[in-house]
Amino acid sequence: MELKAARTELNAKPKTITLEKIEKALEKEGQKIFYFDRENSHKDLMEMVEYFEGKGLSVYFREIRYGLDENDYLYEVHLLV
């Protein structure tokens, strides 16, 4: 599964990240916070949450609003081993 990481600039295109890359980052650090772009479907993000919960990880998922426009948001996922 590929997900789009949060943009670092407003006009930039989001970069993709795979579940394998997320797992490798967790192996190194034990916990990690990831930010995902609003272009991801809520369904895909919920599948990712279920995937990591199924592996016995604690997953905290929330939507972060950073402006007044309805499109000014991103998703935060905190993964703990």
C-alpha atoms as a PDB file:
ATOM      1  CA  MET A   1       0.000   0.000   0.000  1.00  0.00           C
ATOM      2  CA  GLU A   2       1.281   3.451  -0.882  1.00  0.00           C
ATOM      3  CA  LEU A   3       0.256   6.554   1.032  1.00  0.00           C
ATOM      4  CA  LYS A   4       1.037  10.195   0.353  1.00  0.00           C
ATOM      5  CA  ALA A   5       3.208  11.923   2.935  1.00  0.00           C
ATOM      6  CA  ALA A   6       2.293  15.477   3.939  1.00  0.00           C
ATOM      7  CA  ARG A   7       3.543  18.227   1.674  1.00  0.00           C
ATOM      8  CA  THR A   8       6.437  20.353   2.812  1.00  0.00           C
ATOM      9  CA  GLU A   9       5.327  23.249   0.576  1.00  0.00           C
ATOM     10  CA  LEU A  10       1.801  24.301  -0.360  1.00  0.00           C
ATOM     11  CA  ASN A  11       2.305  23.978  -4.120  1.00  0.00           C
ATOM     12  CA  ALA A  12       4.463  20.831  -4.028  1.00  0.00           C
ATOM     13  CA  LYS A  13       3.165  17.396  -4.907  1.00  0.00           C
ATOM     14  CA  PRO A  14       3.044  14.931  -2.015  1.00  0.00           C
ATOM     15  CA  LYS A  15       5.646  12.155  -1.952  1.00  0.00           C
ATOM     16  CA  THR A  16       4.576   8.546  -1.501  1.00  0.00           C
ATOM     17  CA  ILE A  17       5.588   6.210   1.291  1.00  0.00           C
ATOM     18  CA  THR A  18       4.970   2.473   1.553  1.00  0.00           C
ATOM     19  CA  LEU A  19       4.071   0.371   4.572  1.00  0.00           C
ATOM     20  CA  GLU A  20       7.460  -1.331   4.263  1.00  0.00           C
ATOM     21  CA  LYS A  21       9.279   1.997   4.676  1.00  0.00           C
ATOM     22  CA  ILE A  22       7.126   2.812   7.696  1.00  0.00           C
ATOM     23  CA  GLU A  23       7.962  -0.572   9.252  1.00  0.00           C
ATOM     24  CA  LYS A  24      11.702  -0.052   8.677  1.00  0.00           C
ATOM     25  CA  ALA A  25      11.532   3.352  10.377  1.00  0.00           C
ATOM     26  CA  LEU A  26       9.762   1.759  13.343  1.00  0.00           C
ATOM     27  CA  GLU A  27      12.398  -0.964  13.624  1.00  0.00           C
ATOM     28  CA  LYS A  28      15.109   1.684  13.935  1.00  0.00           C
ATOM     29  CA  GLU A  29      13.383   4.034  16.368  1.00  0.00           C
ATOM     30  CA  GLY A  30      10.682   2.022  18.137  1.00  0.00           C
ATOM     31  CA  GLN A  31       8.148   4.810  17.747  1.00  0.00           C
ATOM     32  CA  LYS A  32       7.514   7.368  15.057  1.00  0.00           C
ATOM     33  CA  ILE A  33       5.094  10.121  14.117  1.00  0.00           C
ATOM     34  CA  PHE A  34       4.069  10.311  10.464  1.00  0.00           C
ATOM     35  CA  TYR A  35       2.145  13.079   8.727  1.00  0.00           C
ATOM     36  CA  PHE A  36       0.005  12.246   5.718  1.00  0.00           C
ATOM     37  CA  ASP A  37      -1.495  14.465   3.037  1.00  0.00           C
ATOM     38  CA  ARG A  38      -5.187  15.258   2.739  1.00  0.00           C
ATOM     39  CA  GLU A  39      -5.219  13.543  -0.684  1.00  0.00           C
ATOM     40  CA  ASN A  40      -5.156  10.137   1.045  1.00  0.00           C
ATOM     41  CA  SER A  41      -8.521   8.495   1.376  1.00  0.00           C
ATOM     42  CA  HIS A  42      -9.794   8.041   4.920  1.00  0.00           C
ATOM     43  CA  LYS A  43     -10.411   4.378   4.065  1.00  0.00           C
ATOM     44  CA  ASP A  44      -6.730   3.812   3.145  1.00  0.00           C
ATOM     45  CA  LEU A  45      -5.578   5.435   6.355  1.00  0.00           C
ATOM     46  CA  MET A  46      -7.958   3.303   8.419  1.00  0.00           C
ATOM     47  CA  GLU A  47      -6.609   0.188   6.657  1.00  0.00           C
ATOM     48  CA  MET A  48      -3.087   1.264   7.642  1.00  0.00           C
ATOM     49  CA  VAL A  49      -4.195   1.774  11.266  1.00  0.00           C
ATOM     50  CA  GLU A  50      -5.800  -1.690  11.320  1.00  0.00           C
ATOM     51  CA  TYR A  51      -2.686  -3.207   9.745  1.00  0.00           C
ATOM     52  CA  PHE A  52      -0.389  -1.891  12.487  1.00  0.00           C
ATOM     53  CA  GLU A  53      -2.878  -2.629  15.265  1.00  0.00           C
ATOM     54  CA  GLY A  54      -2.989  -6.196  13.955  1.00  0.00           C
ATOM     55  CA  LYS A  55       0.784  -6.366  14.434  1.00  0.00           C
ATOM     56  CA  GLY A  56       0.345  -5.407  18.105  1.00  0.00           C
ATOM     57  CA  LEU A  57       1.347  -1.748  17.828  1.00  0.00           C
ATOM     58  CA  SER A  58      -0.400   1.164  19.511  1.00  0.00           C
ATOM     59  CA  VAL A  59      -1.680   3.585  16.878  1.00  0.00           C
ATOM     60  CA  TYR A  60      -2.927   7.130  17.492  1.00  0.00           C
ATOM     61  CA  PHE A  61      -4.640   8.739  14.501  1.00  0.00           C
ATOM     62  CA  ARG A  62      -6.005  12.264  14.224  1.00  0.00           C
ATOM     63  CA  GLU A  63      -6.804  14.998  11.764  1.00  0.00           C
ATOM     64  CA  ILE A  64      -4.920  18.267  12.241  1.00  0.00           C
ATOM     65  CA  ARG A  65      -6.373  21.544  10.989  1.00  0.00           C
ATOM     66  CA  TYR A  66      -3.798  24.279  10.433  1.00  0.00           C
ATOM     67  CA  GLY A  67      -5.875  27.022   8.813  1.00  0.00           C
ATOM     68  CA  LEU A  68      -9.371  28.386   8.382  1.00  0.00           C
ATOM     69  CA  ASP A  69     -10.001  26.890   4.948  1.00  0.00           C
ATOM     70  CA  GLU A  70     -11.776  23.529   4.958  1.00  0.00           C
ATOM     71  CA  ASN A  71      -8.892  22.051   2.905  1.00  0.00           C
ATOM     72  CA  ASP A  72      -6.218  23.122   5.405  1.00  0.00           C
ATOM     73  CA  TYR A  73      -5.692  19.834   7.176  1.00  0.00           C
ATOM     74  CA  LEU A  74      -3.437  16.804   7.306  1.00  0.00           C
ATOM     75  CA  TYR A  75      -3.397  13.499   9.146  1.00  0.00           C
ATOM     76  CA  GLU A  76      -1.086  12.578  12.007  1.00  0.00           C
ATOM     77  CA  VAL A  77      -0.345   8.958  12.866  1.00  0.00           C
ATOM     78  CA  HIS A  78       1.742   8.136  15.949  1.00  0.00           C
ATOM     79  CA  LEU A  79       2.977   4.541  15.998  1.00  0.00           C
ATOM     80  CA  LEU A  80       4.334   2.957  19.188  1.00  0.00           C
ATOM     81  CA  VAL A  81       5.871  -0.499  19.524  1.00  0.00           C
END
